[in-house]
Amino acid sequence: MTNVYVRLIIYILSPILTTLAGLLAGYGVTYADGVLSIHTEALAVAVVAAMPISGGIFARWGVR
């Protein structure tokens, strides 16, 4: 697996992983009766929390 695929996987998974942290903490994400509900503010927090992860990946592999 090349660095490009690793970067793409981490870019895609970073917001999902930060949302999972909200699910485990019980903040803004609920799962009941087979329905996953994500509140808008929890989604915004997950995206903002994922930005440093994506920035770190870009700093490591995105510069020539």
N, C-alpha and C. Protein backbone atom coordinates (compact mmCIF):
# COMPACT_ATOMS: atom_id res chain seq x y z
N MET A 1 0.86 -1.17 0.00
CA MET A 1 0.00 0.00 0.00
C MET A 1 0.90 1.23 0.00
N THR A 2 0.66 2.13 -0.92
CA THR A 2 1.50 3.31 -1.03
C THR A 2 1.02 4.40 -0.08
N ASN A 3 1.85 5.42 0.06
CA ASN A 3 1.52 6.54 0.94
C ASN A 3 0.23 7.24 0.53
N VAL A 4 -0.06 7.25 -0.76
CA VAL A 4 -1.26 7.92 -1.24
C VAL A 4 -2.51 7.24 -0.68
N TYR A 5 -2.53 5.92 -0.72
CA TYR A 5 -3.69 5.21 -0.20
C TYR A 5 -3.81 5.35 1.31
N VAL A 6 -2.69 5.35 2.00
CA VAL A 6 -2.71 5.54 3.45
C VAL A 6 -3.26 6.92 3.78
N ARG A 7 -2.81 7.94 3.07
CA ARG A 7 -3.31 9.30 3.29
C ARG A 7 -4.81 9.38 3.04
N LEU A 8 -5.27 8.80 1.94
CA LEU A 8 -6.69 8.86 1.64
C LEU A 8 -7.52 8.15 2.70
N ILE A 9 -7.06 7.01 3.16
CA ILE A 9 -7.79 6.29 4.19
C ILE A 9 -7.86 7.11 5.47
N ILE A 10 -6.76 7.72 5.87
CA ILE A 10 -6.75 8.51 7.10
C ILE A 10 -7.58 9.77 6.94
N TYR A 11 -7.53 10.41 5.76
CA TYR A 11 -8.38 11.58 5.52
C TYR A 11 -9.85 11.21 5.67
N ILE A 12 -10.23 10.06 5.18
CA ILE A 12 -11.62 9.64 5.24
C ILE A 12 -12.01 9.21 6.65
N LEU A 13 -11.12 8.50 7.33
CA LEU A 13 -11.45 7.96 8.64
C LEU A 13 -11.34 8.96 9.79
N SER A 14 -10.58 10.04 9.64
CA SER A 14 -10.38 10.95 10.76
C SER A 14 -11.69 11.58 11.26
N PRO A 15 -12.59 12.07 10.42
CA PRO A 15 -13.86 12.58 10.97
C PRO A 15 -14.71 11.48 11.60
N ILE A 16 -14.63 10.27 11.02
CA ILE A 16 -15.41 9.16 11.57
C ILE A 16 -14.88 8.79 12.94
N LEU A 17 -13.56 8.75 13.10
CA LEU A 17 -12.98 8.40 14.39
C LEU A 17 -13.27 9.45 15.45
N THR A 18 -13.24 10.72 15.09
CA THR A 18 -13.56 11.75 16.07
C THR A 18 -15.05 11.73 16.43
N THR A 19 -15.91 11.35 15.48
CA THR A 19 -17.32 11.18 15.80
C THR A 19 -17.52 9.98 16.71
N LEU A 20 -16.73 8.94 16.51
CA LEU A 20 -16.79 7.77 17.39
C LEU A 20 -16.43 8.15 18.83
N ALA A 21 -15.49 9.05 18.98
CA ALA A 21 -15.14 9.52 20.32
C ALA A 21 -16.35 10.20 20.98
N GLY A 22 -17.10 10.95 20.20
CA GLY A 22 -18.33 11.56 20.72
C GLY A 22 -19.37 10.53 21.09
N LEU A 23 -19.45 9.46 20.31
CA LEU A 23 -20.39 8.39 20.62
C LEU A 23 -20.02 7.71 21.93
N LEU A 24 -18.75 7.44 22.12
CA LEU A 24 -18.31 6.78 23.34
C LEU A 24 -18.49 7.67 24.57
N ALA A 25 -18.33 8.98 24.39
CA ALA A 25 -18.48 9.91 25.50
C ALA A 25 -19.95 10.28 25.74
N GLY A 26 -20.81 9.95 24.80
CA GLY A 26 -22.22 10.27 24.95
C GLY A 26 -22.55 11.69 24.57
N TYR A 27 -21.71 12.32 23.75
CA TYR A 27 -21.93 13.72 23.36
C TYR A 27 -22.43 13.80 21.94
N GLY A 28 -23.67 14.14 21.75
CA GLY A 28 -24.21 14.48 20.44
C GLY A 28 -24.41 13.33 19.47
N VAL A 29 -24.07 12.13 19.87
CA VAL A 29 -24.24 10.98 19.00
C VAL A 29 -24.99 9.92 19.79
N THR A 30 -26.10 9.46 19.23
CA THR A 30 -26.88 8.43 19.91
C THR A 30 -27.18 7.30 18.94
N TYR A 31 -27.27 6.12 19.47
CA TYR A 31 -27.64 4.94 18.68
C TYR A 31 -28.71 4.19 19.44
N ALA A 32 -29.91 4.18 18.91
CA ALA A 32 -31.03 3.50 19.57
C ALA A 32 -31.95 2.92 18.50
N ASP A 33 -32.40 1.72 18.74
CA ASP A 33 -33.35 1.05 17.84
C ASP A 33 -32.85 0.97 16.40
N GLY A 34 -31.55 0.80 16.23
CA GLY A 34 -30.98 0.67 14.89
C GLY A 34 -30.83 1.98 14.13
N VAL A 35 -30.99 3.11 14.82
CA VAL A 35 -30.88 4.41 14.17
C VAL A 35 -29.72 5.18 14.81
N LEU A 36 -28.78 5.61 13.98
CA LEU A 36 -27.66 6.43 14.44
C LEU A 36 -28.01 7.89 14.21
N SER A 37 -28.02 8.68 15.28
CA SER A 37 -28.34 10.11 15.19
C SER A 37 -27.10 10.91 15.56
N ILE A 38 -26.72 11.83 14.68
CA ILE A 38 -25.57 12.70 14.94
C ILE A 38 -26.09 14.13 14.91
N HIS A 39 -25.93 14.84 16.02
CA HIS A 39 -26.37 16.22 16.10
C HIS A 39 -25.42 17.10 15.29
N THR A 40 -25.94 18.19 14.77
CA THR A 40 -25.17 19.07 13.91
C THR A 40 -23.94 19.62 14.61
N GLU A 41 -24.08 20.01 15.88
CA GLU A 41 -22.93 20.55 16.60
C GLU A 41 -21.87 19.48 16.85
N ALA A 42 -22.30 18.23 17.06
CA ALA A 42 -21.33 17.14 17.24
C ALA A 42 -20.59 16.87 15.94
N LEU A 43 -21.28 16.96 14.82
CA LEU A 43 -20.64 16.78 13.52
C LEU A 43 -19.63 17.89 13.27
N ALA A 44 -19.98 19.13 13.61
CA ALA A 44 -19.06 20.25 13.44
C ALA A 44 -17.82 20.08 14.32
N VAL A 45 -18.01 19.62 15.55
CA VAL A 45 -16.87 19.38 16.44
C VAL A 45 -15.99 18.28 15.88
N ALA A 46 -16.59 17.23 15.32
CA ALA A 46 -15.81 16.14 14.74
C ALA A 46 -14.99 16.61 13.55
N VAL A 47 -15.57 17.44 12.71
CA VAL A 47 -14.83 17.95 11.54
C VAL A 47 -13.69 18.85 11.98
N VAL A 48 -13.95 19.72 12.95
CA VAL A 48 -12.89 20.62 13.45
C VAL A 48 -11.80 19.82 14.15
N ALA A 49 -12.17 18.78 14.88
CA ALA A 49 -11.17 17.95 15.56
C ALA A 49 -10.36 17.14 14.57
N ALA A 50 -10.93 16.82 13.43
CA ALA A 50 -10.21 16.04 12.42
C ALA A 50 -9.24 16.90 11.61
N MET A 51 -9.42 18.20 11.63
CA MET A 51 -8.54 19.08 10.84
C MET A 51 -7.07 18.97 11.24
N PRO A 52 -6.72 18.97 12.52
CA PRO A 52 -5.29 18.81 12.86
C PRO A 52 -4.72 17.46 12.42
N ILE A 53 -5.55 16.42 12.43
CA ILE A 53 -5.08 15.12 11.96
C ILE A 53 -4.76 15.20 10.47
N SER A 54 -5.68 15.77 9.71
CA SER A 54 -5.46 15.92 8.27
C SER A 54 -4.29 16.86 7.99
N GLY A 55 -4.18 17.92 8.78
CA GLY A 55 -3.05 18.85 8.61
C GLY A 55 -1.72 18.18 8.91
N GLY A 56 -1.69 17.33 9.92
CA GLY A 56 -0.46 16.60 10.24
C GLY A 56 -0.06 15.64 9.14
N ILE A 57 -1.05 15.00 8.54
CA ILE A 57 -0.76 14.10 7.42
C ILE A 57 -0.25 14.90 6.24
N PHE A 58 -0.88 16.02 5.97
CA PHE A 58 -0.42 16.86 4.85
C PHE A 58 0.98 17.39 5.11
N ALA A 59 1.27 17.78 6.35
CA ALA A 59 2.61 18.29 6.68
C ALA A 59 3.66 17.20 6.49
N ARG A 60 3.29 15.95 6.78
CA ARG A 60 4.25 14.85 6.67
C ARG A 60 4.44 14.41 5.23
N TRP A 61 3.34 14.17 4.50
CA TRP A 61 3.45 13.58 3.18
C TRP A 61 3.01 14.51 2.04
N GLY A 62 2.44 15.67 2.35
CA GLY A 62 1.90 16.51 1.29
C GLY A 62 2.88 17.51 0.70
N VAL A 63 4.04 17.62 1.27
CA VAL A 63 5.03 18.59 0.80
C VAL A 63 6.11 17.85 0.01
N ARG A 64 6.51 18.42 -1.09
CA ARG A 64 7.57 17.76 -1.88
C ARG A 64 8.93 18.10 -1.37
